[in-house]
Amino acid sequence: MRAEFPEEENEIRIIEPEINEGDEVVLTEGPMAGMKTIVTRLMSGQDRVRVLLEWLGEEREAEVSLDSLRIPGEIRGKMR
């Protein structure tokens, strides 16, 4: 995410990184914080996605909030 400072306007716009299906992401909240995973599906009309997790030797899909993900190497603080 980066802040953009338009010269003609008096407002700050926040530009969020776009996450797509197939992207590698890192969970930032909950008991699996720090785990790398893959986005398998975007949930239309929601701020949620499905990710693929390895759990007890099996791969499973889980639904998580977009706020609980970051792209590896991305530096951002919690805005909400």
C-alpha atoms as a PDB file:
ATOM      1  CA  MET A   1       0.000   0.000   0.000  1.00  0.00           C
ATOM      2  CA  ARG A   2       1.208   3.494  -0.656  1.00  0.00           C
ATOM      3  CA  ALA A   3      -0.249   6.916  -0.108  1.00  0.00           C
ATOM      4  CA  GLU A   4      -0.676   9.155  -3.122  1.00  0.00           C
ATOM      5  CA  PHE A   5      -0.671  12.920  -2.693  1.00  0.00           C
ATOM      6  CA  PRO A   6      -2.502  14.551  -5.610  1.00  0.00           C
ATOM      7  CA  GLU A   7      -1.438  18.148  -6.200  1.00  0.00           C
ATOM      8  CA  GLU A   8      -4.867  19.350  -7.302  1.00  0.00           C
ATOM      9  CA  GLU A   9      -6.833  17.798  -4.448  1.00  0.00           C
ATOM     10  CA  ASN A  10      -6.693  18.129  -0.679  1.00  0.00           C
ATOM     11  CA  GLU A  11      -7.197  14.450   0.079  1.00  0.00           C
ATOM     12  CA  ILE A  12      -4.931  11.453   0.485  1.00  0.00           C
ATOM     13  CA  ARG A  13      -5.791   8.329  -1.483  1.00  0.00           C
ATOM     14  CA  ILE A  14      -4.676   4.935  -0.162  1.00  0.00           C
ATOM     15  CA  ILE A  15      -3.746   2.454  -2.891  1.00  0.00           C
ATOM     16  CA  GLU A  16      -4.087  -1.134  -1.695  1.00  0.00           C
ATOM     17  CA  PRO A  17      -2.080  -3.891  -3.367  1.00  0.00           C
ATOM     18  CA  GLU A  18      -4.267  -6.110  -5.500  1.00  0.00           C
ATOM     19  CA  ILE A  19      -4.415  -9.784  -4.539  1.00  0.00           C
ATOM     20  CA  ASN A  20      -5.312 -12.278  -7.251  1.00  0.00           C
ATOM     21  CA  GLU A  21      -6.011 -16.005  -7.426  1.00  0.00           C
ATOM     22  CA  GLY A  22      -2.733 -17.924  -7.440  1.00  0.00           C
ATOM     23  CA  ASP A  23      -0.813 -15.238  -5.486  1.00  0.00           C
ATOM     24  CA  GLU A  24       1.394 -16.303  -2.597  1.00  0.00           C
ATOM     25  CA  VAL A  25       0.419 -14.464   0.586  1.00  0.00           C
ATOM     26  CA  VAL A  26       1.286 -14.549   4.286  1.00  0.00           C
ATOM     27  CA  LEU A  27      -1.313 -14.811   7.050  1.00  0.00           C
ATOM     28  CA  THR A  28      -0.883 -11.988   9.574  1.00  0.00           C
ATOM     29  CA  GLU A  29      -3.503 -12.878  12.206  1.00  0.00           C
ATOM     30  CA  GLY A  30      -4.718 -15.875  14.159  1.00  0.00           C
ATOM     31  CA  PRO A  31      -3.025 -19.110  15.176  1.00  0.00           C
ATOM     32  CA  MET A  32      -1.400 -19.531  11.753  1.00  0.00           C
ATOM     33  CA  ALA A  33       0.090 -16.020  11.550  1.00  0.00           C
ATOM     34  CA  GLY A  34       3.311 -16.063   9.533  1.00  0.00           C
ATOM     35  CA  MET A  35       2.278 -19.037   7.375  1.00  0.00           C
ATOM     36  CA  LYS A  36       2.711 -18.667   3.613  1.00  0.00           C
ATOM     37  CA  THR A  37      -0.226 -19.824   1.547  1.00  0.00           C
ATOM     38  CA  ILE A  38      -1.785 -19.497  -1.919  1.00  0.00           C
ATOM     39  CA  VAL A  39      -4.998 -17.622  -2.783  1.00  0.00           C
ATOM     40  CA  THR A  40      -7.353 -20.104  -4.436  1.00  0.00           C
ATOM     41  CA  ARG A  41     -10.496 -18.002  -4.866  1.00  0.00           C
ATOM     42  CA  LEU A  42     -11.676 -14.415  -4.490  1.00  0.00           C
ATOM     43  CA  MET A  43     -15.063 -14.151  -2.804  1.00  0.00           C
ATOM     44  CA  SER A  44     -17.072 -11.725  -4.930  1.00  0.00           C
ATOM     45  CA  GLY A  45     -18.633  -8.793  -3.117  1.00  0.00           C
ATOM     46  CA  GLN A  46     -16.794  -9.567   0.126  1.00  0.00           C
ATOM     47  CA  ASP A  47     -13.479  -8.627   1.696  1.00  0.00           C
ATOM     48  CA  ARG A  48     -12.624 -12.319   1.964  1.00  0.00           C
ATOM     49  CA  VAL A  49     -10.653 -14.895  -0.011  1.00  0.00           C
ATOM     50  CA  ARG A  50     -10.114 -18.646   0.113  1.00  0.00           C
ATOM     51  CA  VAL A  51      -6.570 -19.856   0.691  1.00  0.00           C
ATOM     52  CA  LEU A  52      -4.924 -23.275   0.588  1.00  0.00           C
ATOM     53  CA  LEU A  53      -3.503 -24.406   3.935  1.00  0.00           C
ATOM     54  CA  GLU A  54      -1.513 -27.484   4.844  1.00  0.00           C
ATOM     55  CA  TRP A  55      -3.069 -28.822   8.028  1.00  0.00           C
ATOM     56  CA  LEU A  56      -2.100 -32.114   9.678  1.00  0.00           C
ATOM     57  CA  GLY A  57      -0.461 -33.345   6.487  1.00  0.00           C
ATOM     58  CA  GLU A  58      -3.432 -32.521   4.259  1.00  0.00           C
ATOM     59  CA  GLU A  59      -4.213 -29.525   2.071  1.00  0.00           C
ATOM     60  CA  ARG A  60      -7.423 -27.725   2.941  1.00  0.00           C
ATOM     61  CA  GLU A  61      -9.112 -24.518   1.846  1.00  0.00           C
ATOM     62  CA  ALA A  62     -10.013 -21.877   4.403  1.00  0.00           C
ATOM     63  CA  GLU A  63     -11.829 -18.558   4.078  1.00  0.00           C
ATOM     64  CA  VAL A  64      -9.977 -15.550   5.529  1.00  0.00           C
ATOM     65  CA  SER A  65     -10.308 -11.778   5.579  1.00  0.00           C
ATOM     66  CA  LEU A  66      -8.263  -9.716   3.124  1.00  0.00           C
ATOM     67  CA  ASP A  67      -7.160  -7.661   6.143  1.00  0.00           C
ATOM     68  CA  SER A  68      -5.414 -10.748   7.537  1.00  0.00           C
ATOM     69  CA  LEU A  69      -3.156 -11.187   4.479  1.00  0.00           C
ATOM     70  CA  ARG A  70      -0.074  -9.495   3.116  1.00  0.00           C
ATOM     71  CA  ILE A  71       2.048 -10.075   0.043  1.00  0.00           C
ATOM     72  CA  PRO A  72       5.537 -11.382   0.990  1.00  0.00           C
ATOM     73  CA  GLY A  73       7.967  -8.463   1.138  1.00  0.00           C
ATOM     74  CA  GLU A  74       5.176  -5.910   1.541  1.00  0.00           C
ATOM     75  CA  ILE A  75       5.554  -3.572   4.487  1.00  0.00           C
ATOM     76  CA  ARG A  76       2.334  -2.164   5.839  1.00  0.00           C
ATOM     77  CA  GLY A  77       0.707  -1.315   9.115  1.00  0.00           C
ATOM     78  CA  LYS A  78      -2.847  -2.085  10.053  1.00  0.00           C
ATOM     79  CA  MET A  79      -5.017   0.788   8.840  1.00  0.00           C
ATOM     80  CA  ARG A  80      -8.348  -0.159  10.429  1.00  0.00           C
END
